[in-house]
Amino acid sequence: MLVTKEKVFKRVALAASAIALCAMLVMLVPTLAFADVSKGNTYGNVAAVQARLKTYGYYSSTVDGTWGANTTAAVKRFQTAMGLTSDGVVGGATERALSLKLPVSGGISKGKTAANIAALQARLKTRGYYRSTVDGKWGNKTLGALLSFQSDKGLTVDGVAGGATERALGVTLKIGERTGGVSKGRTTENVKKIQTALKNAGYYRSTVDGVWGRNTMCAVMAFQSDKGLTVDGVVGGSTERALGVSLASGSNTGSNIGTGSVGNISQSDLDLLARCVYGEARGEPYTGQVAIAAVVLNRVRSSKFPNTISGVIYQRGAFTAVSDGQINLTPNETAYKAAREALGGHDPTGGCLYYYNPATATSSWIWTLTVHLRIGRHNFAL
């Protein structure tokens, strides 16, 4: 087909027009985008703005930390009411008018431990601010709920659970890791009774396995908060009565491992457990040695691992002491004492199934676990 000069000129003209139109659209895009927070549209900043606007009656949507048309409109309404430039941008003047100090990152002044976070979530849930699972993990939903609570209570809206927020929530947070527990002993049968009662009441959704861990502690805290009890994750007399359970002191017959009686296991099992403690943790604090033995016993009780002490210890790749032959060293009396104490029901880890030395660990997988506490050179995780 013959292409004339006239057709070429027309095509060039059309292309030039299209390019010009695209350039105009690009120039218009910024004016179509939503306005935002001058110090950054982070979750904390946006959620803080939304929380304050909601408290003041300008925002009726969910405090979700996501900037959108509803947030922009609410900011503009607030700015108009305050005699500010109605541009939807939260800059210095709007920030001050909202009684905010941005940026917001959030946290807990006494530490983001699992117990502190769970206690905070439990109280916020009872008050109607937190609608997710009480899991002891800090996240945006916890931060958003805390910001909303602080705003409504006239507290500093910084997302940090400090003294004033702690008192307003009616919860006592503590410095240092804690794992809750059972006043009459964290024996298998006691823990099973607690888990069953919590499950029947809708607070516990995991397996009833008799192993105390973070899920059980969090469920206890959520229950305590709703029932107006002290939110400490410890099942004492008041919590026991509220749960409607009768717990036994000391040993019981629910398991032949870790129920307060060493006599239920063979001497060879005791020797092997002591050798594992000695090979894995000699030189560690005594509590750390008890914790190593407790991890072995927690695995015996768990459906994820073999159900015997020898099966757990000799599971392929499970323990360094087996791999390098230190399992065959003769344990000292301290190792035996730690093994007996763990067999008697003492678990400093609160149900942990894993431990590792962060200075020497080479497995990439181990770093994905949630660290529950640290004793000596070892991190203990669930």
Protein backbone atom coordinates (compact mmCIF):
# COMPACT_ATOMS: atom_id res chain seq x y z
CA MET A 1 0.00 0.00 0.00
CA LEU A 2 1.34 3.43 -0.97
CA VAL A 3 1.83 5.79 1.99
CA THR A 4 1.64 9.44 1.03
CA LYS A 5 3.47 12.29 2.78
CA GLU A 6 0.08 13.61 3.92
CA LYS A 7 -0.70 10.36 5.75
CA VAL A 8 2.72 10.36 7.38
CA PHE A 9 2.21 13.91 8.61
CA LYS A 10 -1.21 12.96 10.03
CA ARG A 11 0.25 10.01 11.89
CA VAL A 12 3.04 12.11 13.34
CA ALA A 13 0.52 14.72 14.44
CA LEU A 14 -1.66 12.10 16.13
CA ALA A 15 1.36 10.63 17.93
CA ALA A 16 2.40 14.08 19.12
CA SER A 17 -1.13 14.72 20.41
CA ALA A 18 -1.12 11.41 22.29
CA ILE A 19 2.21 12.21 23.92
CA ALA A 20 0.95 15.64 24.95
CA LEU A 21 -2.20 14.10 26.42
CA CYS A 22 -0.15 11.58 28.42
CA ALA A 23 2.02 14.40 29.76
CA MET A 24 -1.07 16.29 30.90
CA LEU A 25 -2.43 13.20 32.65
CA VAL A 26 0.89 12.64 34.42
CA MET A 27 0.79 16.23 35.64
CA LEU A 28 -2.74 15.73 36.94
CA VAL A 29 -2.03 12.51 38.86
CA PRO A 30 -0.64 14.21 42.01
CA THR A 31 -3.78 16.29 42.34
CA LEU A 32 -5.92 13.13 42.17
CA ALA A 33 -3.96 11.24 44.87
CA PHE A 34 -5.10 11.23 48.46
CA ALA A 35 -3.49 13.72 50.81
CA ASP A 36 -1.48 12.27 53.67
CA VAL A 37 0.64 12.77 56.80
CA SER A 38 3.64 15.04 56.33
CA LYS A 39 5.78 12.81 58.55
CA GLY A 40 4.90 9.66 56.65
CA ASN A 41 1.93 7.41 56.02
CA THR A 42 3.13 4.71 58.39
CA TYR A 43 0.55 2.50 60.05
CA GLY A 44 1.15 4.16 63.42
CA ASN A 45 0.87 7.72 62.10
CA VAL A 46 -2.30 7.09 60.12
CA ALA A 47 -3.92 5.07 62.91
CA ALA A 48 -3.14 7.85 65.41
CA VAL A 49 -4.76 10.45 63.15
CA GLN A 50 -7.80 8.25 62.61
CA ALA A 51 -8.10 7.56 66.35
CA ARG A 52 -8.08 11.26 67.24
CA LEU A 53 -10.53 12.14 64.49
CA LYS A 54 -12.83 9.35 65.66
CA THR A 55 -12.68 10.53 69.27
CA TYR A 56 -13.52 14.07 68.11
CA GLY A 57 -16.44 12.80 65.98
CA TYR A 58 -15.03 13.53 62.51
CA TYR A 59 -14.20 9.96 61.47
CA SER A 60 -16.64 7.05 61.68
CA SER A 61 -14.78 4.28 59.85
CA THR A 62 -12.41 1.65 61.25
CA VAL A 63 -9.06 2.71 62.67
CA ASP A 64 -7.04 0.57 60.27
CA GLY A 65 -3.89 2.61 59.67
CA THR A 66 -4.61 2.85 55.94
CA TRP A 67 -5.02 6.25 54.32
CA GLY A 68 -8.05 6.57 52.06
CA ALA A 69 -10.85 8.84 50.92
CA ASN A 70 -12.70 8.63 54.25
CA THR A 71 -9.61 9.72 56.16
CA THR A 72 -8.94 12.61 53.78
CA ALA A 73 -12.54 13.80 54.07
CA ALA A 74 -12.43 13.58 57.86
CA VAL A 75 -9.18 15.57 58.01
CA LYS A 76 -10.67 18.27 55.79
CA ARG A 77 -13.79 18.54 57.94
CA PHE A 78 -11.65 18.84 61.05
CA GLN A 79 -9.40 21.46 59.42
CA THR A 80 -12.39 23.53 58.36
CA ALA A 81 -13.85 23.39 61.86
CA MET A 82 -10.50 24.48 63.34
CA GLY A 83 -10.03 27.32 60.88
CA LEU A 84 -7.07 25.62 59.20
CA THR A 85 -6.32 25.24 55.50
CA SER A 86 -8.62 22.47 54.33
CA ASP A 87 -6.13 20.51 52.22
CA GLY A 88 -6.44 17.09 53.87
CA VAL A 89 -2.74 17.07 54.72
CA VAL A 90 -1.74 16.44 58.34
CA GLY A 91 1.12 18.90 58.73
CA GLY A 92 2.37 20.73 61.78
CA ALA A 93 -0.72 22.88 62.46
CA THR A 94 -3.16 20.00 62.00
CA GLU A 95 -0.96 17.70 64.06
CA ARG A 96 -0.98 20.17 66.94
CA ALA A 97 -4.72 20.77 66.65
CA LEU A 98 -5.24 17.00 66.90
CA SER A 99 -3.04 16.93 70.03
CA LEU A 100 -0.67 14.49 68.37
CA LYS A 101 3.07 14.16 68.37
CA LEU A 102 4.10 12.26 65.27
CA PRO A 103 5.74 9.97 64.24
CA VAL A 104 4.25 7.08 66.21
CA SER A 105 5.99 3.73 66.55
CA GLY A 106 4.37 2.25 69.66
CA GLY A 107 5.58 -0.23 72.26
CA ILE A 108 5.55 -1.16 75.94
CA SER A 109 7.72 0.76 78.36
CA LYS A 110 8.44 -2.37 80.43
CA GLY A 111 9.28 -4.51 77.42
CA LYS A 112 7.49 -6.24 74.56
CA THR A 113 7.49 -9.62 76.25
CA ALA A 114 4.83 -12.17 75.31
CA ALA A 115 3.23 -11.86 78.76
CA ASN A 116 3.08 -8.05 78.67
CA ILE A 117 1.64 -8.01 75.16
CA ALA A 118 -0.93 -10.68 76.04
CA ALA A 119 -2.00 -8.80 79.17
CA LEU A 120 -2.36 -5.63 77.13
CA GLN A 121 -4.35 -7.38 74.39
CA ALA A 122 -6.59 -9.06 76.93
CA ARG A 123 -7.53 -5.80 78.62
CA LEU A 124 -8.04 -4.00 75.31
CA LYS A 125 -10.26 -6.86 74.14
CA THR A 126 -12.35 -6.75 77.29
CA ARG A 127 -12.75 -3.00 76.76
CA GLY A 128 -13.86 -3.56 73.15
CA TYR A 129 -10.83 -2.07 71.39
CA TYR A 130 -9.00 -5.22 70.30
CA ARG A 131 -10.89 -7.77 68.22
CA SER A 132 -8.23 -10.31 67.30
CA THR A 133 -6.78 -13.30 69.14
CA VAL A 134 -4.86 -12.71 72.35
CA ASP A 135 -1.59 -14.23 71.15
CA GLY A 136 1.16 -12.25 72.89
CA LYS A 137 2.53 -10.97 69.59
CA TRP A 138 2.92 -7.25 68.91
CA GLY A 139 1.40 -6.13 65.61
CA ASN A 140 -0.53 -3.36 63.91
CA LYS A 141 -3.88 -4.50 65.31
CA THR A 142 -2.53 -4.25 68.86
CA LEU A 143 -1.02 -0.83 68.11
CA GLY A 144 -4.23 0.45 66.52
CA ALA A 145 -6.34 -0.72 69.46
CA LEU A 146 -3.96 0.91 71.93
CA LEU A 147 -3.98 4.21 70.03
CA SER A 148 -7.80 4.25 70.00
CA PHE A 149 -7.95 3.53 73.74
CA GLN A 150 -5.44 6.27 74.54
CA SER A 151 -7.31 8.76 72.40
CA ASP A 152 -10.69 8.03 73.97
CA LYS A 153 -9.24 8.20 77.50
CA GLY A 154 -7.49 11.52 76.95
CA LEU A 155 -4.03 10.00 77.28
CA THR A 156 -0.95 10.78 75.20
CA VAL A 157 -1.63 9.11 71.85
CA ASP A 158 1.77 7.54 71.25
CA GLY A 159 0.95 3.84 71.11
CA VAL A 160 3.25 3.18 74.06
CA ALA A 161 1.84 1.34 77.06
CA GLY A 162 3.48 3.29 79.89
CA GLY A 163 2.39 4.00 83.43
CA ALA A 164 -0.70 6.12 82.69
CA THR A 165 -2.01 3.73 80.04
CA GLU A 166 -1.24 0.76 82.26
CA ARG A 167 -3.27 2.28 85.11
CA ALA A 168 -6.14 3.28 82.82
CA LEU A 169 -6.35 -0.30 81.50
CA GLY A 170 -6.21 -1.75 85.02
CA VAL A 171 -3.30 -4.05 84.24
CA THR A 172 0.13 -4.49 85.84
CA LEU A 173 2.94 -5.04 83.36
CA LYS A 174 6.32 -6.33 84.48
CA ILE A 175 9.94 -5.93 83.49
CA GLY A 176 11.52 -9.21 82.43
CA GLU A 177 10.09 -12.32 80.78
CA ARG A 178 7.40 -14.29 82.57
CA THR A 179 5.34 -17.23 81.44
CA GLY A 180 2.42 -17.41 83.84
CA GLY A 181 1.83 -20.75 85.51
CA VAL A 182 -0.22 -22.81 87.93
CA SER A 183 0.00 -22.17 91.67
CA LYS A 184 -0.42 -25.86 92.46
CA GLY A 185 2.11 -26.97 89.88
CA ARG A 186 2.27 -27.12 86.09
CA THR A 187 1.73 -30.86 86.03
CA THR A 188 0.31 -32.50 82.93
CA GLU A 189 -3.07 -33.19 84.48
CA ASN A 190 -3.43 -29.70 85.95
CA VAL A 191 -2.59 -28.09 82.62
CA LYS A 192 -4.99 -30.42 80.77
CA LYS A 193 -7.83 -29.47 83.14
CA ILE A 194 -7.11 -25.78 82.61
CA GLN A 195 -6.87 -26.13 78.83
CA THR A 196 -10.11 -28.12 78.67
CA ALA A 197 -12.00 -25.57 80.77
CA LEU A 198 -10.63 -22.70 78.69
CA LYS A 199 -11.50 -24.53 75.48
CA ASN A 200 -15.06 -25.13 76.64
CA ALA A 201 -15.34 -21.43 77.45
CA GLY A 202 -14.06 -20.44 74.01
CA TYR A 203 -10.67 -19.05 75.08
CA TYR A 204 -8.31 -21.86 74.05
CA ARG A 205 -8.24 -23.17 70.48
CA SER A 206 -5.15 -25.37 70.47
CA THR A 207 -4.72 -29.04 71.33
CA VAL A 208 -5.33 -30.12 74.90
CA ASP A 209 -1.86 -31.60 75.41
CA GLY A 210 -1.02 -30.84 79.02
CA VAL A 211 1.97 -28.74 77.99
CA TRP A 212 2.09 -25.21 79.36
CA GLY A 213 3.01 -22.71 76.68
CA ARG A 214 2.25 -19.27 75.33
CA ASN A 215 -1.15 -20.24 73.90
CA THR A 216 -2.30 -21.51 77.29
CA MET A 217 -0.93 -18.46 79.10
CA CYS A 218 -2.63 -16.09 76.64
CA ALA A 219 -5.95 -17.91 76.99
CA VAL A 220 -5.70 -17.68 80.79
CA MET A 221 -5.03 -13.93 80.55
CA ALA A 222 -7.98 -13.34 78.23
CA PHE A 223 -10.23 -15.29 80.62
CA GLN A 224 -8.91 -13.42 83.66
CA SER A 225 -9.49 -10.05 82.02
CA ASP A 226 -13.08 -10.84 81.08
CA LYS A 227 -13.81 -12.14 84.58
CA GLY A 228 -12.32 -9.11 86.32
CA LEU A 229 -9.45 -11.08 87.82
CA THR A 230 -5.78 -10.09 88.06
CA VAL A 231 -4.36 -10.51 84.56
CA ASP A 232 -1.10 -12.32 85.29
CA GLY A 233 -1.49 -15.62 83.45
CA VAL A 234 -1.17 -17.53 86.73
CA VAL A 235 -3.93 -19.98 87.66
CA GLY A 236 -4.29 -19.41 91.39
CA GLY A 237 -7.27 -19.92 93.65
CA SER A 238 -9.53 -17.24 92.14
CA THR A 239 -8.87 -18.26 88.56
CA GLU A 240 -9.21 -21.93 89.46
CA ARG A 241 -12.62 -21.30 90.97
CA ALA A 242 -13.74 -19.11 88.09
CA LEU A 243 -12.74 -21.87 85.65
CA GLY A 244 -14.67 -24.40 87.70
CA VAL A 245 -11.76 -26.82 87.98
CA SER A 246 -10.18 -28.59 90.91
CA LEU A 247 -6.42 -28.83 90.54
CA ALA A 248 -4.11 -31.20 92.40
CA SER A 249 -1.04 -30.11 94.33
CA GLY A 250 2.29 -31.68 93.45
CA SER A 251 2.28 -34.90 91.48
CA ASN A 252 -0.59 -36.65 89.73
CA THR A 253 -0.98 -39.74 87.62
CA GLY A 254 -1.53 -38.09 84.27
CA SER A 255 1.93 -38.89 82.93
CA ASN A 256 5.05 -40.71 83.97
CA ILE A 257 7.18 -37.76 82.85
CA GLY A 258 7.48 -34.52 84.76
CA THR A 259 4.58 -35.01 87.15
CA GLY A 260 6.50 -34.67 90.40
CA SER A 261 7.84 -38.21 90.64
CA VAL A 262 11.22 -39.42 89.42
CA GLY A 263 10.45 -42.97 90.41
CA ASN A 264 8.18 -43.50 87.43
CA ILE A 265 11.08 -43.54 84.97
CA SER A 266 13.97 -45.95 84.64
CA GLN A 267 17.47 -45.27 85.88
CA SER A 268 18.72 -45.47 82.31
CA ASP A 269 16.34 -42.66 81.28
CA LEU A 270 17.53 -40.51 84.19
CA ASP A 271 21.15 -41.20 83.24
CA LEU A 272 20.49 -40.31 79.59
CA LEU A 273 18.68 -37.08 80.49
CA ALA A 274 21.53 -36.07 82.80
CA ARG A 275 24.07 -36.84 80.05
CA CYS A 276 22.07 -34.66 77.64
CA VAL A 277 22.04 -31.80 80.15
CA TYR A 278 25.77 -32.17 80.78
CA GLY A 279 26.67 -32.41 77.09
CA GLU A 280 24.44 -29.51 76.05
CA ALA A 281 24.62 -27.10 78.97
CA ARG A 282 27.51 -27.67 81.40
CA GLY A 283 28.84 -24.26 82.33
CA GLU A 284 25.38 -22.70 81.94
CA PRO A 285 23.46 -21.34 84.96
CA TYR A 286 21.70 -24.07 86.94
CA THR A 287 18.29 -22.78 85.82
CA GLY A 288 19.48 -23.08 82.23
CA GLN A 289 20.41 -26.72 82.80
CA VAL A 290 16.95 -27.44 84.24
CA ALA A 291 15.50 -25.68 81.19
CA ILE A 292 17.40 -27.98 78.80
CA ALA A 293 16.00 -31.04 80.58
CA ALA A 294 12.53 -29.47 80.54
CA VAL A 295 12.69 -28.98 76.76
CA VAL A 296 13.45 -32.69 76.35
CA LEU A 297 10.45 -33.60 78.52
CA ASN A 298 8.20 -31.10 76.74
CA ARG A 299 9.07 -32.84 73.49
CA VAL A 300 8.25 -36.24 75.00
CA ARG A 301 4.75 -34.91 75.80
CA SER A 302 4.30 -33.21 72.42
CA SER A 303 2.72 -35.06 69.48
CA LYS A 304 5.36 -33.48 67.22
CA PHE A 305 8.19 -35.59 68.68
CA PRO A 306 8.93 -39.16 69.81
CA ASN A 307 7.20 -40.09 73.08
CA THR A 308 10.23 -41.38 74.98
CA ILE A 309 13.29 -39.65 76.43
CA SER A 310 15.67 -41.75 74.36
CA GLY A 311 13.57 -41.22 71.23
CA VAL A 312 13.67 -37.44 71.67
CA ILE A 313 17.37 -37.21 72.50
CA TYR A 314 18.50 -39.53 69.73
CA GLN A 315 16.18 -38.08 67.08
CA ARG A 316 18.34 -37.36 64.05
CA GLY A 317 19.90 -33.89 64.16
CA ALA A 318 18.05 -32.87 67.32
CA PHE A 319 20.93 -32.35 69.77
CA THR A 320 24.51 -31.24 69.16
CA ALA A 321 25.75 -33.35 72.07
CA VAL A 322 24.62 -36.48 70.23
CA SER A 323 26.18 -35.35 66.94
CA ASP A 324 29.59 -34.56 68.44
CA GLY A 325 29.68 -37.41 70.95
CA GLN A 326 29.43 -35.34 74.14
CA ILE A 327 26.32 -37.33 75.06
CA ASN A 328 28.73 -40.08 76.17
CA LEU A 329 30.51 -37.90 78.76
CA THR A 330 29.95 -38.72 82.43
CA PRO A 331 27.52 -36.16 83.91
CA ASN A 332 28.25 -34.42 87.21
CA GLU A 333 25.88 -34.17 90.15
CA THR A 334 24.57 -30.77 88.99
CA ALA A 335 23.37 -32.31 85.73
CA TYR A 336 21.62 -35.10 87.65
CA LYS A 337 20.03 -32.56 89.98
CA ALA A 338 18.76 -30.52 87.01
CA ALA A 339 17.34 -33.65 85.37
CA ARG A 340 15.55 -34.67 88.58
CA GLU A 341 14.12 -31.18 89.06
CA ALA A 342 12.71 -31.14 85.52
CA LEU A 343 11.29 -34.62 86.04
CA GLY A 344 9.70 -33.28 89.21
CA GLY A 345 7.67 -30.80 87.16
CA HIS A 346 9.82 -27.64 87.16
CA ASP A 347 9.91 -26.01 83.72
CA PRO A 348 11.63 -22.60 83.63
CA THR A 349 10.80 -22.30 79.91
CA GLY A 350 7.02 -22.36 80.21
CA GLY A 351 6.58 -25.18 77.71
CA CYS A 352 9.26 -24.38 75.13
CA LEU A 353 10.15 -27.06 72.59
CA TYR A 354 13.33 -25.54 71.17
CA TYR A 355 16.48 -23.80 72.31
CA TYR A 356 19.62 -22.52 70.60
CA ASN A 357 22.72 -20.45 71.15
CA PRO A 358 22.32 -17.34 68.93
CA ALA A 359 26.10 -16.92 68.80
CA THR A 360 26.68 -20.32 67.19
CA ALA A 361 23.36 -21.28 65.54
CA THR A 362 23.72 -21.98 61.81
CA SER A 363 20.19 -23.09 60.94
CA SER A 364 18.18 -20.42 59.12
CA TRP A 365 14.96 -22.10 60.25
CA ILE A 366 15.71 -21.69 63.96
CA TRP A 367 15.70 -17.90 63.59
CA THR A 368 12.04 -17.98 62.48
CA LEU A 369 10.90 -19.21 65.91
CA THR A 370 9.44 -16.88 68.51
CA VAL A 371 11.89 -16.53 71.40
CA HIS A 372 10.08 -16.91 74.71
CA LEU A 373 12.98 -16.15 77.04
CA ARG A 374 16.77 -16.27 77.35
CA ILE A 375 18.70 -18.12 80.06
CA GLY A 376 22.47 -17.89 79.99
CA ARG A 377 23.63 -18.25 76.41
CA HIS A 378 20.50 -20.01 75.16
CA ASN A 379 17.32 -18.66 73.60
CA PHE A 380 14.23 -20.77 74.35
CA ALA A 381 11.42 -20.81 71.82
CA LEU A 382 8.03 -22.36 71.12
